[in-house]
C-alpha atoms as a PDB file:
ATOM      1  CA  GLN A   1     -17.660  -1.113  -7.151  1.00  0.00           C
ATOM      2  CA  VAL A   2     -14.333  -2.636  -6.179  1.00  0.00           C
ATOM      3  CA  HIS A   3     -13.387  -3.964  -2.781  1.00  0.00           C
ATOM      4  CA  LEU A   4      -9.769  -3.924  -1.667  1.00  0.00           C
ATOM      5  CA  VAL A   5      -8.585  -6.301   1.039  1.00  0.00           C
ATOM      6  CA  GLU A   6      -5.196  -5.873   2.666  1.00  0.00           C
ATOM      7  CA  SER A   7      -3.307  -8.620   4.463  1.00  0.00           C
ATOM      8  CA  GLY A   8       0.149  -9.300   5.845  1.00  0.00           C
ATOM      9  CA  GLY A   9       0.321  -6.846   8.688  1.00  0.00           C
ATOM     10  CA  GLY A  10       1.450  -7.772  12.159  1.00  0.00           C
ATOM     11  CA  LEU A  11       3.984  -7.262  14.907  1.00  0.00           C
ATOM     12  CA  VAL A  12       7.650  -7.298  13.950  1.00  0.00           C
ATOM     13  CA  GLN A  13      10.871  -6.344  15.689  1.00  0.00           C
ATOM     14  CA  PRO A  14      12.947  -3.386  14.479  1.00  0.00           C
ATOM     15  CA  GLY A  15      15.058  -4.443  11.519  1.00  0.00           C
ATOM     16  CA  GLY A  16      12.564  -7.082  10.496  1.00  0.00           C
ATOM     17  CA  SER A  17      10.509  -7.472   7.344  1.00  0.00           C
ATOM     18  CA  LEU A  18       6.885  -7.779   6.354  1.00  0.00           C
ATOM     19  CA  ARG A  19       5.141  -8.209   3.009  1.00  0.00           C
ATOM     20  CA  LEU A  20       1.735  -6.594   2.596  1.00  0.00           C
ATOM     21  CA  SER A  21      -0.737  -7.705  -0.041  1.00  0.00           C
ATOM     22  CA  CYS A  22      -3.824  -5.994  -1.409  1.00  0.00           C
ATOM     23  CA  ALA A  23      -6.359  -8.022  -3.371  1.00  0.00           C
ATOM     24  CA  ALA A  24      -8.944  -6.345  -5.576  1.00  0.00           C
ATOM     25  CA  SER A  25     -12.363  -7.999  -5.823  1.00  0.00           C
ATOM     26  CA  ARG A  26     -12.331  -7.800  -9.626  1.00  0.00           C
ATOM     27  CA  SER A  27     -10.077  -6.924 -12.488  1.00  0.00           C
ATOM     28  CA  MET A  28      -9.922  -3.295 -13.450  1.00  0.00           C
ATOM     29  CA  SER A  29      -9.207  -1.857 -16.883  1.00  0.00           C
ATOM     30  CA  SER A  30      -9.140   1.884 -16.287  1.00  0.00           C
ATOM     31  CA  VAL A  31      -6.571   2.027 -13.544  1.00  0.00           C
ATOM     32  CA  TYR A  32      -4.704   5.260 -13.033  1.00  0.00           C
ATOM     33  CA  SER A  33      -2.723   4.136  -9.991  1.00  0.00           C
ATOM     34  CA  MET A  34      -2.521   1.761  -7.070  1.00  0.00           C
ATOM     35  CA  GLY A  35      -0.672   2.573  -3.929  1.00  0.00           C
ATOM     36  CA  TRP A  36      -0.072   2.203  -0.242  1.00  0.00           C
ATOM     37  CA  TYR A  37      -0.774   4.866   2.345  1.00  0.00           C
ATOM     38  CA  ARG A  38      -0.356   4.773   6.095  1.00  0.00           C
ATOM     39  CA  GLN A  39      -1.764   6.549   9.094  1.00  0.00           C
ATOM     40  CA  ALA A  40      -0.242   6.582  12.548  1.00  0.00           C
ATOM     41  CA  PRO A  41      -2.237   7.686  15.606  1.00  0.00           C
ATOM     42  CA  GLU A  42      -2.841  11.437  15.621  1.00  0.00           C
ATOM     43  CA  ASN A  43      -1.195  11.783  12.198  1.00  0.00           C
ATOM     44  CA  GLU A  44      -2.666  12.407   8.788  1.00  0.00           C
ATOM     45  CA  ARG A  45      -2.747   9.651   6.199  1.00  0.00           C
ATOM     46  CA  GLU A  46       0.393   9.796   4.070  1.00  0.00           C
ATOM     47  CA  LEU A  47       1.589   8.255   0.843  1.00  0.00           C
ATOM     48  CA  VAL A  48       4.036   5.375   1.258  1.00  0.00           C
ATOM     49  CA  ALA A  49       4.400   4.155  -2.324  1.00  0.00           C
ATOM     50  CA  ARG A  50       2.422   4.296  -5.541  1.00  0.00           C
ATOM     51  CA  ILE A  51       2.527   2.807  -9.046  1.00  0.00           C
ATOM     52  CA  THR A  52       0.832   4.521 -11.976  1.00  0.00           C
ATOM     53  CA  SER A  53      -0.471   2.933 -15.163  1.00  0.00           C
ATOM     54  CA  VAL A  54       2.437   4.367 -17.123  1.00  0.00           C
ATOM     55  CA  GLY A  55       4.920   2.734 -14.785  1.00  0.00           C
ATOM     56  CA  THR A  56       5.872   5.654 -12.598  1.00  0.00           C
ATOM     57  CA  ILE A  57       6.747   4.621  -9.048  1.00  0.00           C
ATOM     58  CA  ASN A  58       6.848   7.071  -6.167  1.00  0.00           C
ATOM     59  CA  TYR A  59       8.082   6.446  -2.639  1.00  0.00           C
ATOM     60  CA  ALA A  60       7.960   8.549   0.466  1.00  0.00           C
ATOM     61  CA  ASP A  61      11.469   9.730   1.327  1.00  0.00           C
ATOM     62  CA  SER A  62      11.234   7.952   4.665  1.00  0.00           C
ATOM     63  CA  VAL A  63      10.893   4.515   3.033  1.00  0.00           C
ATOM     64  CA  LYS A  64      13.173   4.815  -0.004  1.00  0.00           C
ATOM     65  CA  GLY A  65      15.678   1.983  -0.126  1.00  0.00           C
ATOM     66  CA  ARG A  66      13.713  -0.067   2.403  1.00  0.00           C
ATOM     67  CA  PHE A  67      10.273  -0.611   0.850  1.00  0.00           C
ATOM     68  CA  THR A  68       9.437  -1.982  -2.591  1.00  0.00           C
ATOM     69  CA  ILE A  69       6.041  -1.753  -4.257  1.00  0.00           C
ATOM     70  CA  SER A  70       4.995  -4.214  -6.946  1.00  0.00           C
ATOM     71  CA  ARG A  71       1.867  -5.539  -8.615  1.00  0.00           C
ATOM     72  CA  ASP A  72       0.599  -8.333 -10.804  1.00  0.00           C
ATOM     73  CA  ASN A  73      -0.033  -7.730 -14.505  1.00  0.00           C
ATOM     74  CA  GLY A  74      -3.796  -7.433 -14.159  1.00  0.00           C
ATOM     75  CA  TRP A  75      -3.903  -4.889 -11.367  1.00  0.00           C
ATOM     76  CA  ASN A  76      -5.571  -7.566  -9.227  1.00  0.00           C
ATOM     77  CA  THR A  77      -2.960  -7.654  -6.497  1.00  0.00           C
ATOM     78  CA  LEU A  78      -0.625  -5.060  -5.066  1.00  0.00           C
ATOM     79  CA  PHE A  79       2.330  -5.794  -2.808  1.00  0.00           C
ATOM     80  CA  LEU A  80       4.550  -3.867  -0.464  1.00  0.00           C
ATOM     81  CA  GLN A  81       7.781  -5.487   0.663  1.00  0.00           C
ATOM     82  CA  MET A  82       8.968  -3.734   3.789  1.00  0.00           C
ATOM     83  CA  ASN A  83      12.513  -4.345   4.989  1.00  0.00           C
ATOM     84  CA  SER A  84      14.602  -2.829   7.753  1.00  0.00           C
ATOM     85  CA  LEU A  85      11.462  -1.790   9.572  1.00  0.00           C
ATOM     86  CA  LYS A  86      11.664   0.963  12.161  1.00  0.00           C
ATOM     87  CA  PRO A  87       9.364   1.828  15.072  1.00  0.00           C
ATOM     88  CA  GLU A  88       8.301   4.943  13.170  1.00  0.00           C
ATOM     89  CA  ASP A  89       6.858   2.707  10.451  1.00  0.00           C
ATOM     90  CA  THR A  90       4.161   1.670  12.911  1.00  0.00           C
ATOM     91  CA  ALA A  91       0.791   2.602  11.413  1.00  0.00           C
ATOM     92  CA  VAL A  92      -2.316   1.294   9.748  1.00  0.00           C
ATOM     93  CA  TYR A  93      -1.477   0.667   6.096  1.00  0.00           C
ATOM     94  CA  TYR A  94      -4.162   1.233   3.490  1.00  0.00           C
ATOM     95  CA  CYS A  95      -4.384   0.095  -0.095  1.00  0.00           C
ATOM     96  CA  ASN A  96      -5.629   2.649  -2.619  1.00  0.00           C
ATOM     97  CA  LEU A  97      -6.907   2.305  -6.175  1.00  0.00           C
ATOM     98  CA  VAL A  98      -7.654   5.234  -8.461  1.00  0.00           C
ATOM     99  CA  THR A  99      -9.509   4.749 -11.728  1.00  0.00           C
ATOM    100  CA  TYR A 100     -10.117   7.156 -14.608  1.00  0.00           C
ATOM    101  CA  GLY A 101     -12.820   7.668 -17.226  1.00  0.00           C
ATOM    102  CA  PRO A 102     -16.579   8.115 -16.935  1.00  0.00           C
ATOM    103  CA  SER A 103     -16.680   6.069 -13.742  1.00  0.00           C
ATOM    104  CA  ALA A 104     -13.578   7.532 -12.187  1.00  0.00           C
ATOM    105  CA  ALA A 105     -13.316   6.616  -8.534  1.00  0.00           C
ATOM    106  CA  ASN A 106     -10.986   6.416  -5.558  1.00  0.00           C
ATOM    107  CA  TYR A 107     -11.136   3.179  -3.585  1.00  0.00           C
ATOM    108  CA  TRP A 108      -9.669   2.319  -0.163  1.00  0.00           C
ATOM    109  CA  GLY A 109      -9.186  -0.907   1.701  1.00  0.00           C
ATOM    110  CA  GLN A 110     -10.007  -1.339   5.361  1.00  0.00           C
ATOM    111  CA  GLY A 111      -6.362  -1.207   6.410  1.00  0.00           C
ATOM    112  CA  THR A 112      -3.915  -3.562   8.068  1.00  0.00           C
ATOM    113  CA  GLN A 113      -1.996  -2.788  11.240  1.00  0.00           C
ATOM    114  CA  VAL A 114       1.803  -2.834  11.176  1.00  0.00           C
ATOM    115  CA  THR A 115       3.531  -2.563  14.537  1.00  0.00           C
ATOM    116  CA  VAL A 116       7.307  -2.377  14.816  1.00  0.00           C
ATOM    117  CA  SER A 117       8.415  -2.885  18.369  1.00  0.00           C
ATOM    118  CA  SER A 118      10.869  -4.865  20.435  1.00  0.00           C
END
C-alpha cells in the first residue's frame, strides 16, 4: 500500500503561480506512471499532466506552455509547477500513481484545492 499526500494548493490571483507537491509514503520500483489530475465542481476528473517510466510526458492541451510536471529520481515526489494561472484552473488537484506487475495498482491522493480568483 502506498499513500500519496499532496500539498501546495491555495488561493492565487489570475496570472499567478503555484507549485504542487505529491509525496509517496515509500519508494516504488514498479512504477508505470505518476501524474496530476483535477476535478472542478460538476465536472469529471481530467488528466492535467503525467510522466511515464520511459520518460513520456503528456499535458492536457489547456495547460501546455503554462504547467510543468517533474519528479525526483526515486519516484518519491512529484511536482507540478503552475504558471499563468487562470480562473478555469480552479479545481481539486489529485496525485496519481500507477504501478505494474503482479501487484499492479492505481493509487490516488486526497487532493489539494487550487482556487484562482481575484
